Amino acid sequence: MGGGFFHFGILGFILGPLIIAYLIIIIEVYKTKNAPTFFVKEEAQ
């Protein structure tokens, strides 16, 4: 059992934390049912 760096080299070292961060954001949005403002288009007035 090795980490992403052991299995995938430098690509795993970079992509592993990014995938975890995006997964946390997706779970948070799903739980709150409220997307952060950078996902929502603001209406011009």
C-alpha atoms as a PDB file:
ATOM      1  CA  MET A   1       0.000   0.000   0.000  1.00  0.00           C
ATOM      2  CA  GLY A   2       1.725   3.091  -1.229  1.00  0.00           C
ATOM      3  CA  GLY A   3       0.645   6.611  -1.838  1.00  0.00           C
ATOM      4  CA  GLY A   4      -0.053   8.314  -5.129  1.00  0.00           C
ATOM      5  CA  PHE A   5       3.608   9.240  -5.552  1.00  0.00           C
ATOM      6  CA  PHE A   6       4.690   5.613  -5.198  1.00  0.00           C
ATOM      7  CA  HIS A   7       2.171   4.317  -7.727  1.00  0.00           C
ATOM      8  CA  PHE A   8       1.937   7.176 -10.234  1.00  0.00           C
ATOM      9  CA  GLY A   9       5.143   9.157  -9.767  1.00  0.00           C
ATOM     10  CA  ILE A  10       5.128  12.938  -9.911  1.00  0.00           C
ATOM     11  CA  LEU A  11       1.715  12.963 -11.615  1.00  0.00           C
ATOM     12  CA  GLY A  12       0.175  11.215  -8.602  1.00  0.00           C
ATOM     13  CA  PHE A  13       1.921  13.669  -6.291  1.00  0.00           C
ATOM     14  CA  ILE A  14       0.201  16.555  -8.092  1.00  0.00           C
ATOM     15  CA  LEU A  15      -3.182  15.022  -8.966  1.00  0.00           C
ATOM     16  CA  GLY A  16      -3.822  13.209  -5.675  1.00  0.00           C
ATOM     17  CA  PRO A  17      -4.348  16.327  -3.520  1.00  0.00           C
ATOM     18  CA  LEU A  18      -6.288  18.042  -6.324  1.00  0.00           C
ATOM     19  CA  ILE A  19      -8.708  15.133  -6.616  1.00  0.00           C
ATOM     20  CA  ILE A  20      -9.229  15.082  -2.846  1.00  0.00           C
ATOM     21  CA  ALA A  21      -9.819  18.861  -2.760  1.00  0.00           C
ATOM     22  CA  TYR A  22     -12.370  18.713  -5.584  1.00  0.00           C
ATOM     23  CA  LEU A  23     -14.106  15.768  -3.927  1.00  0.00           C
ATOM     24  CA  ILE A  24     -14.427  17.732  -0.679  1.00  0.00           C
ATOM     25  CA  ILE A  25     -15.913  20.702  -2.575  1.00  0.00           C
ATOM     26  CA  ILE A  26     -18.415  18.468  -4.390  1.00  0.00           C
ATOM     27  CA  ILE A  27     -19.485  16.802  -1.128  1.00  0.00           C
ATOM     28  CA  GLU A  28     -19.875  20.183   0.588  1.00  0.00           C
ATOM     29  CA  VAL A  29     -22.016  21.536  -2.263  1.00  0.00           C
ATOM     30  CA  TYR A  30     -24.133  18.370  -2.246  1.00  0.00           C
ATOM     31  CA  LYS A  31     -24.676  18.529   1.532  1.00  0.00           C
ATOM     32  CA  THR A  32     -25.590  22.217   1.668  1.00  0.00           C
ATOM     33  CA  LYS A  33     -27.398  22.274  -1.701  1.00  0.00           C
ATOM     34  CA  ASN A  34     -25.851  25.721  -2.125  1.00  0.00           C
ATOM     35  CA  ALA A  35     -23.133  26.194  -4.734  1.00  0.00           C
ATOM     36  CA  PRO A  36     -20.370  28.703  -3.988  1.00  0.00           C
ATOM     37  CA  THR A  37     -20.595  31.963  -5.919  1.00  0.00           C
ATOM     38  CA  PHE A  38     -17.947  30.970  -8.453  1.00  0.00           C
ATOM     39  CA  PHE A  39     -20.307  28.240  -9.710  1.00  0.00           C
ATOM     40  CA  VAL A  40     -23.324  30.534 -10.017  1.00  0.00           C
ATOM     41  CA  LYS A  41     -23.837  33.108 -12.725  1.00  0.00           C
ATOM     42  CA  GLU A  42     -24.737  36.474 -11.216  1.00  0.00           C
ATOM     43  CA  GLU A  43     -27.500  38.390 -12.924  1.00  0.00           C
ATOM     44  CA  ALA A  44     -26.629  41.823 -14.310  1.00  0.00           C
ATOM     45  CA  GLN A  45     -28.844  44.716 -13.307  1.00  0.00           C
END
